């Protein structure tokens, strides 16, 4: 690939790297490997960070223990009883939402993606848990 020569100890300004690189043409760091839009890509990624954190928190809150607590309020539910399943799902989701912190709750109330995510993931936990009980 090439040769890199670095001093044993950095001298002078620690912010500047004192090294010499000599690479073969095949591995040269030229325009082919430059990402001109890296700032835009980074800013787009950071815009989704609060949503990603909220999704992770929702995942942590979707536990079978929490579902069992909701189940104790409703009583025995079978997968065939859609009305009872919907009631159980709503109680389960409300319990999860109550545990979100202020920032996550504010985001959740305005973000349809997060609301859909909670609906989908809560349903999955509910169905798997009810199947395991029958």
N, C-alpha and C. Protein backbone atom coordinates (compact mmCIF):
# COMPACT_ATOMS: atom_id res chain seq x y z
N UNK A 1 0.81 -1.19 0.00
CA UNK A 1 0.00 0.00 0.00
C UNK A 1 0.85 1.24 0.00
N UNK A 2 1.94 1.22 0.72
CA UNK A 2 2.80 2.39 0.78
C UNK A 2 3.60 2.41 2.05
N UNK A 3 4.10 3.58 2.38
CA UNK A 3 4.99 3.72 3.52
C UNK A 3 4.58 4.97 4.30
N UNK A 4 4.52 4.85 5.62
CA UNK A 4 4.25 5.99 6.50
C UNK A 4 5.37 6.08 7.50
N UNK A 5 5.98 7.26 7.61
CA UNK A 5 7.07 7.47 8.55
C UNK A 5 6.61 8.49 9.57
N UNK A 6 6.67 8.11 10.85
CA UNK A 6 6.27 8.99 11.94
C UNK A 6 7.42 9.08 12.94
N UNK A 7 7.55 10.22 13.59
CA UNK A 7 8.60 10.31 14.62
C UNK A 7 8.19 9.51 15.86
N UNK A 8 9.18 9.10 16.62
CA UNK A 8 8.92 8.36 17.85
C UNK A 8 8.16 9.24 18.83
N UNK A 9 8.55 10.52 18.94
CA UNK A 9 7.86 11.48 19.78
C UNK A 9 7.44 12.65 18.92
N UNK A 10 6.23 13.17 19.20
CA UNK A 10 5.75 14.35 18.48
C UNK A 10 6.51 15.57 18.97
N UNK A 11 6.94 16.40 18.07
CA UNK A 11 7.67 17.61 18.42
C UNK A 11 6.84 18.83 18.03
N UNK A 12 6.99 19.89 18.77
CA UNK A 12 6.32 21.14 18.42
C UNK A 12 4.84 21.11 18.75
N UNK A 13 4.03 21.59 17.84
CA UNK A 13 2.59 21.73 18.04
C UNK A 13 1.93 20.34 18.06
N UNK A 14 1.29 19.96 19.18
CA UNK A 14 0.66 18.63 19.26
C UNK A 14 -0.56 18.51 18.35
N UNK A 15 -1.09 19.65 17.86
CA UNK A 15 -2.26 19.60 16.97
C UNK A 15 -1.88 19.15 15.56
N UNK A 16 -0.61 19.31 15.21
CA UNK A 16 -0.17 18.94 13.86
C UNK A 16 0.57 17.61 13.93
N UNK A 17 0.22 16.76 13.02
CA UNK A 17 0.88 15.45 12.98
C UNK A 17 2.13 15.53 12.12
N UNK A 18 3.20 15.11 12.68
CA UNK A 18 4.45 15.09 11.92
C UNK A 18 4.64 13.72 11.31
N UNK A 19 4.20 13.55 10.08
CA UNK A 19 4.40 12.26 9.44
C UNK A 19 4.59 12.45 7.94
N UNK A 20 5.15 11.46 7.33
CA UNK A 20 5.40 11.47 5.90
C UNK A 20 4.73 10.23 5.32
N UNK A 21 3.89 10.43 4.30
CA UNK A 21 3.21 9.30 3.66
C UNK A 21 3.64 9.20 2.21
N UNK A 22 3.91 7.99 1.81
CA UNK A 22 4.22 7.74 0.41
C UNK A 22 3.42 6.49 0.04
N UNK A 23 2.35 6.69 -0.77
CA UNK A 23 1.48 5.58 -1.12
C UNK A 23 1.60 5.27 -2.60
N UNK A 24 1.35 4.02 -2.92
CA UNK A 24 1.32 3.64 -4.33
C UNK A 24 0.08 4.25 -4.96
N UNK A 25 0.07 4.40 -6.27
CA UNK A 25 -1.04 5.04 -6.97
C UNK A 25 -2.36 4.34 -6.69
N UNK A 26 -2.32 3.04 -6.56
CA UNK A 26 -3.54 2.25 -6.32
C UNK A 26 -4.22 2.64 -5.01
N UNK A 27 -3.44 3.02 -4.00
CA UNK A 27 -3.98 3.33 -2.68
C UNK A 27 -3.90 4.82 -2.33
N UNK A 28 -3.62 5.64 -3.30
CA UNK A 28 -3.48 7.08 -3.07
C UNK A 28 -4.79 7.68 -2.57
N UNK A 29 -4.69 8.61 -1.62
CA UNK A 29 -5.87 9.28 -1.05
C UNK A 29 -6.19 10.50 -1.90
N UNK A 30 -6.80 10.26 -3.04
CA UNK A 30 -7.11 11.37 -3.94
C UNK A 30 -8.61 11.66 -3.92
N UNK A 31 -9.08 12.39 -4.90
CA UNK A 31 -10.48 12.84 -4.94
C UNK A 31 -11.48 11.69 -4.94
N UNK A 32 -11.07 10.51 -5.37
CA UNK A 32 -11.99 9.36 -5.37
C UNK A 32 -12.50 9.05 -3.97
N UNK A 33 -11.71 9.37 -2.96
CA UNK A 33 -12.07 9.00 -1.59
C UNK A 33 -12.51 10.19 -0.74
N UNK A 34 -12.70 11.33 -1.35
CA UNK A 34 -13.12 12.51 -0.61
C UNK A 34 -14.64 12.60 -0.62
N UNK A 35 -15.23 12.86 0.52
CA UNK A 35 -16.67 13.03 0.64
C UNK A 35 -16.94 14.52 0.79
N UNK A 36 -17.31 15.14 -0.30
CA UNK A 36 -17.52 16.59 -0.30
C UNK A 36 -18.77 16.98 0.50
N UNK A 37 -19.70 16.07 0.64
CA UNK A 37 -20.96 16.37 1.33
C UNK A 37 -20.98 15.84 2.76
N UNK A 38 -19.82 15.69 3.37
CA UNK A 38 -19.79 15.10 4.71
C UNK A 38 -20.50 15.97 5.74
N UNK A 39 -20.44 17.29 5.60
CA UNK A 39 -21.12 18.16 6.57
C UNK A 39 -22.64 17.98 6.48
N UNK A 40 -23.15 17.91 5.26
CA UNK A 40 -24.59 17.72 5.08
C UNK A 40 -25.03 16.36 5.64
N UNK A 41 -24.26 15.32 5.33
CA UNK A 41 -24.60 13.98 5.82
C UNK A 41 -24.58 13.95 7.34
N UNK A 42 -23.60 14.60 7.92
CA UNK A 42 -23.50 14.61 9.38
C UNK A 42 -24.66 15.38 10.00
N UNK A 43 -25.04 16.51 9.43
CA UNK A 43 -26.14 17.28 10.00
C UNK A 43 -27.47 16.54 9.86
N UNK A 44 -27.67 15.81 8.77
CA UNK A 44 -28.90 15.02 8.63
C UNK A 44 -28.95 13.92 9.66
N UNK A 45 -27.83 13.29 9.91
CA UNK A 45 -27.79 12.22 10.89
C UNK A 45 -28.12 12.76 12.28
N UNK A 46 -27.58 13.91 12.61
CA UNK A 46 -27.82 14.49 13.93
C UNK A 46 -29.26 14.91 14.12
N UNK A 47 -29.96 15.25 13.03
CA UNK A 47 -31.36 15.63 13.15
C UNK A 47 -32.22 14.47 13.62
N UNK A 48 -31.82 13.25 13.35
CA UNK A 48 -32.59 12.08 13.75
C UNK A 48 -32.19 11.55 15.12
N UNK A 49 -31.18 12.15 15.73
CA UNK A 49 -30.69 11.64 17.01
C UNK A 49 -31.77 11.65 18.11
N UNK A 50 -32.52 12.72 18.30
CA UNK A 50 -33.56 12.69 19.34
C UNK A 50 -34.59 11.58 19.10
N UNK A 51 -34.97 11.36 17.85
CA UNK A 51 -35.93 10.30 17.54
C UNK A 51 -35.31 8.94 17.84
N UNK A 52 -34.05 8.76 17.48
CA UNK A 52 -33.36 7.49 17.73
C UNK A 52 -33.28 7.21 19.23
N UNK A 53 -32.99 8.24 20.00
CA UNK A 53 -32.92 8.08 21.46
C UNK A 53 -34.30 7.72 22.01
N UNK A 54 -35.33 8.39 21.52
CA UNK A 54 -36.70 8.11 21.99
C UNK A 54 -37.10 6.68 21.62
N UNK A 55 -36.73 6.22 20.44
CA UNK A 55 -37.04 4.84 20.04
C UNK A 55 -36.33 3.84 20.95
N UNK A 56 -35.09 4.13 21.28
CA UNK A 56 -34.35 3.24 22.18
C UNK A 56 -35.01 3.20 23.56
N UNK A 57 -35.46 4.35 24.03
CA UNK A 57 -36.13 4.41 25.33
C UNK A 57 -37.44 3.62 25.28
N UNK A 58 -38.19 3.78 24.20
CA UNK A 58 -39.44 3.03 24.05
C UNK A 58 -39.15 1.53 24.07
N UNK A 59 -38.11 1.12 23.37
CA UNK A 59 -37.74 -0.30 23.37
C UNK A 59 -37.46 -0.80 24.79
N UNK A 60 -36.78 0.00 25.56
CA UNK A 60 -36.46 -0.40 26.94
C UNK A 60 -37.72 -0.50 27.80
N UNK A 61 -38.72 0.28 27.48
CA UNK A 61 -39.94 0.30 28.29
C UNK A 61 -40.95 -0.77 27.88
N UNK A 62 -40.78 -1.34 26.71
CA UNK A 62 -41.71 -2.38 26.23
C UNK A 62 -41.32 -3.75 26.80
N UNK A 63 -41.59 -3.95 28.06
CA UNK A 63 -41.20 -5.19 28.74
C UNK A 63 -42.42 -6.06 29.02
N UNK A 64 -42.17 -7.35 29.18
CA UNK A 64 -43.27 -8.25 29.51
C UNK A 64 -43.81 -7.95 30.92
N UNK A 65 -42.96 -7.47 31.81
CA UNK A 65 -43.41 -7.09 33.16
C UNK A 65 -44.43 -5.96 33.07
N UNK A 66 -44.13 -4.97 32.25
CA UNK A 66 -45.06 -3.85 32.06
C UNK A 66 -46.36 -4.34 31.44
N UNK A 67 -46.25 -5.27 30.48
CA UNK A 67 -47.44 -5.83 29.84
C UNK A 67 -48.25 -6.64 30.85
N UNK A 68 -47.58 -7.40 31.69
CA UNK A 68 -48.28 -8.16 32.74
C UNK A 68 -49.02 -7.22 33.69
N UNK A 69 -48.42 -6.06 33.99
CA UNK A 69 -49.11 -5.08 34.83
C UNK A 69 -50.38 -4.58 34.16
N UNK A 70 -50.30 -4.31 32.85
CA UNK A 70 -51.49 -3.89 32.11
C UNK A 70 -52.52 -5.02 32.05
N UNK A 71 -52.03 -6.23 31.89
CA UNK A 71 -52.91 -7.41 31.82
C UNK A 71 -53.67 -7.60 33.13
N UNK A 72 -53.03 -7.27 34.25
CA UNK A 72 -53.70 -7.41 35.55
C UNK A 72 -54.87 -6.44 35.68
N UNK A 73 -54.85 -5.34 34.94
CA UNK A 73 -55.95 -4.37 34.97
C UNK A 73 -57.12 -4.81 34.10
N UNK A 74 -56.84 -5.64 33.09
CA UNK A 74 -57.87 -6.04 32.12
C UNK A 74 -58.42 -7.42 32.44
N UNK A 75 -57.58 -8.28 32.96
CA UNK A 75 -57.97 -9.67 33.17
C UNK A 75 -57.48 -10.53 32.01
N UNK A 76 -57.90 -11.76 32.01
CA UNK A 76 -57.45 -12.71 30.98
C UNK A 76 -57.92 -12.26 29.59
N UNK A 77 -57.00 -12.30 28.62
CA UNK A 77 -57.28 -11.86 27.25
C UNK A 77 -56.80 -12.94 26.30
N UNK A 78 -57.63 -13.25 25.29
CA UNK A 78 -57.20 -14.18 24.25
C UNK A 78 -56.96 -13.39 22.97
N UNK A 79 -56.10 -13.91 22.12
CA UNK A 79 -55.79 -13.23 20.87
C UNK A 79 -57.01 -13.07 19.97
N UNK A 80 -57.99 -13.93 20.11
CA UNK A 80 -59.18 -13.85 19.29
C UNK A 80 -60.13 -12.73 19.68
N UNK A 81 -60.00 -12.21 20.88
CA UNK A 81 -60.88 -11.14 21.36
C UNK A 81 -60.24 -9.78 21.02
N UNK A 82 -60.58 -9.26 19.84
CA UNK A 82 -59.97 -8.03 19.32
C UNK A 82 -60.22 -6.83 20.22
N UNK A 83 -61.42 -6.74 20.77
CA UNK A 83 -61.76 -5.60 21.61
C UNK A 83 -60.89 -5.58 22.88
N UNK A 84 -60.76 -6.72 23.53
CA UNK A 84 -59.93 -6.81 24.74
C UNK A 84 -58.45 -6.62 24.41
N UNK A 85 -58.03 -7.15 23.27
CA UNK A 85 -56.64 -6.96 22.84
C UNK A 85 -56.34 -5.47 22.62
N UNK A 86 -57.28 -4.76 21.98
CA UNK A 86 -57.10 -3.32 21.74
C UNK A 86 -57.04 -2.56 23.05
N UNK A 87 -57.91 -2.92 24.00
CA UNK A 87 -57.91 -2.28 25.32
C UNK A 87 -56.57 -2.51 26.02
N UNK A 88 -56.12 -3.76 26.00
CA UNK A 88 -54.84 -4.10 26.62
C UNK A 88 -53.69 -3.35 25.95
N UNK A 89 -53.71 -3.29 24.64
CA UNK A 89 -52.66 -2.58 23.91
C UNK A 89 -52.64 -1.10 24.30
N UNK A 90 -53.80 -0.48 24.38
CA UNK A 90 -53.86 0.94 24.74
C UNK A 90 -53.35 1.19 26.15
N UNK A 91 -53.70 0.34 27.09
CA UNK A 91 -53.20 0.48 28.47
C UNK A 91 -51.69 0.31 28.50
N UNK A 92 -51.20 -0.68 27.77
CA UNK A 92 -49.76 -0.95 27.69
C UNK A 92 -49.03 0.27 27.11
N UNK A 93 -49.53 0.81 26.02
CA UNK A 93 -48.89 1.97 25.38
C UNK A 93 -48.94 3.19 26.29
N UNK A 94 -50.08 3.43 26.94
CA UNK A 94 -50.19 4.57 27.86
C UNK A 94 -49.16 4.48 28.97
N UNK A 95 -48.96 3.28 29.48
CA UNK A 95 -47.98 3.07 30.54
C UNK A 95 -46.57 3.40 30.05
N UNK A 96 -46.26 3.00 28.82
CA UNK A 96 -44.95 3.30 28.24
C UNK A 96 -44.78 4.80 28.08
N UNK A 97 -45.78 5.47 27.54
CA UNK A 97 -45.71 6.91 27.29
C UNK A 97 -45.55 7.68 28.60
N UNK A 98 -46.21 7.22 29.66
CA UNK A 98 -46.10 7.89 30.96
C UNK A 98 -44.67 7.88 31.49
N UNK A 99 -43.88 6.91 31.08
CA UNK A 99 -42.51 6.79 31.58
C UNK A 99 -41.49 7.58 30.77
N UNK A 100 -41.88 8.15 29.63
CA UNK A 100 -40.95 8.94 28.84
C UNK A 100 -40.62 10.24 29.57
N UNK A 101 -39.39 10.72 29.41
CA UNK A 101 -39.05 11.99 30.04
C UNK A 101 -39.67 13.14 29.23
N UNK A 102 -39.56 14.35 29.73
CA UNK A 102 -40.25 15.50 29.13
C UNK A 102 -39.89 15.70 27.66
N UNK A 103 -38.61 15.65 27.36
CA UNK A 103 -38.17 15.89 25.98
C UNK A 103 -38.68 14.79 25.05
N UNK A 104 -38.58 13.55 25.48
CA UNK A 104 -39.07 12.43 24.66
C UNK A 104 -40.58 12.50 24.50
N UNK A 105 -41.28 12.88 25.55
CA UNK A 105 -42.74 12.99 25.49
C UNK A 105 -43.16 14.09 24.52
N UNK A 106 -42.48 15.23 24.58
CA UNK A 106 -42.78 16.34 23.67
C UNK A 106 -42.58 15.89 22.22
N UNK A 107 -41.49 15.20 21.97
CA UNK A 107 -41.20 14.70 20.63
C UNK A 107 -42.23 13.65 20.22
N UNK A 108 -42.57 12.75 21.12
CA UNK A 108 -43.53 11.68 20.84
C UNK A 108 -44.88 12.25 20.41
N UNK A 109 -45.33 13.28 21.09
CA UNK A 109 -46.65 13.86 20.80
C UNK A 109 -46.74 14.49 19.42
N UNK A 110 -45.60 14.90 18.87
CA UNK A 110 -45.61 15.58 17.56
C UNK A 110 -45.05 14.73 16.43
N UNK A 111 -44.54 13.55 16.73
CA UNK A 111 -43.84 12.74 15.72
C UNK A 111 -44.65 11.48 15.41
N UNK A 112 -45.28 11.47 14.24
CA UNK A 112 -46.09 10.32 13.83
C UNK A 112 -45.25 9.07 13.68
N UNK A 113 -43.99 9.22 13.29
CA UNK A 113 -43.11 8.06 13.15
C UNK A 113 -42.91 7.37 14.49
N UNK A 114 -42.72 8.14 15.54
CA UNK A 114 -42.56 7.56 16.88
C UNK A 114 -43.85 6.90 17.36
N UNK A 115 -44.97 7.53 17.07
CA UNK A 115 -46.26 6.97 17.47
C UNK A 115 -46.51 5.64 16.75
N UNK A 116 -46.20 5.60 15.46
CA UNK A 116 -46.35 4.35 14.70
C UNK A 116 -45.39 3.28 15.22
N UNK A 117 -44.19 3.72 15.57
CA UNK A 117 -43.19 2.79 16.09
C UNK A 117 -43.68 2.14 17.38
N UNK A 118 -44.20 2.96 18.30
CA UNK A 118 -44.73 2.41 19.55
C UNK A 118 -45.87 1.45 19.28
N UNK A 119 -46.78 1.82 18.40
CA UNK A 119 -47.92 0.95 18.07
C UNK A 119 -47.43 -0.41 17.55
N UNK A 120 -46.53 -0.38 16.60
CA UNK A 120 -46.03 -1.61 15.98
C UNK A 120 -45.27 -2.50 16.98
N UNK A 121 -44.36 -1.88 17.72
CA UNK A 121 -43.54 -2.65 18.65
C UNK A 121 -44.37 -3.18 19.83
N UNK A 122 -45.30 -2.38 20.33
CA UNK A 122 -46.15 -2.82 21.44
C UNK A 122 -47.03 -3.99 21.00
N UNK A 123 -47.57 -3.90 19.78
CA UNK A 123 -48.37 -5.02 19.26
C UNK A 123 -47.56 -6.30 19.20
N UNK A 124 -46.33 -6.17 18.73
CA UNK A 124 -45.47 -7.35 18.61
C UNK A 124 -45.21 -7.98 19.98
N UNK A 125 -44.91 -7.16 20.98
CA UNK A 125 -44.67 -7.68 22.33
C UNK A 125 -45.94 -8.34 22.86
N UNK A 126 -47.08 -7.69 22.65
CA UNK A 126 -48.35 -8.20 23.13
C UNK A 126 -48.68 -9.56 22.50
N UNK A 127 -48.59 -9.65 21.20
CA UNK A 127 -48.92 -10.90 20.51
C UNK A 127 -48.01 -12.03 20.95
N UNK A 128 -46.71 -11.76 21.00
CA UNK A 128 -45.77 -12.82 21.41
C UNK A 128 -46.04 -13.26 22.84
N UNK A 129 -46.36 -12.31 23.70
CA UNK A 129 -46.61 -12.64 25.11
C UNK A 129 -47.91 -13.43 25.27
N UNK A 130 -48.96 -13.01 24.59
CA UNK A 130 -50.23 -13.74 24.69
C UNK A 130 -50.11 -15.15 24.11
N UNK A 131 -49.34 -15.29 23.05
CA UNK A 131 -49.11 -16.64 22.50
C UNK A 131 -48.36 -17.52 23.49
N UNK A 132 -47.42 -16.93 24.21
CA UNK A 132 -46.65 -17.74 25.17
C UNK A 132 -47.51 -18.16 26.36
N UNK A 133 -48.57 -17.41 26.65
CA UNK A 133 -49.44 -17.74 27.78
C UNK A 133 -50.48 -18.81 27.42
N UNK A 134 -50.76 -18.95 26.14
CA UNK A 134 -51.82 -19.92 25.75
C UNK A 134 -51.26 -21.30 25.46
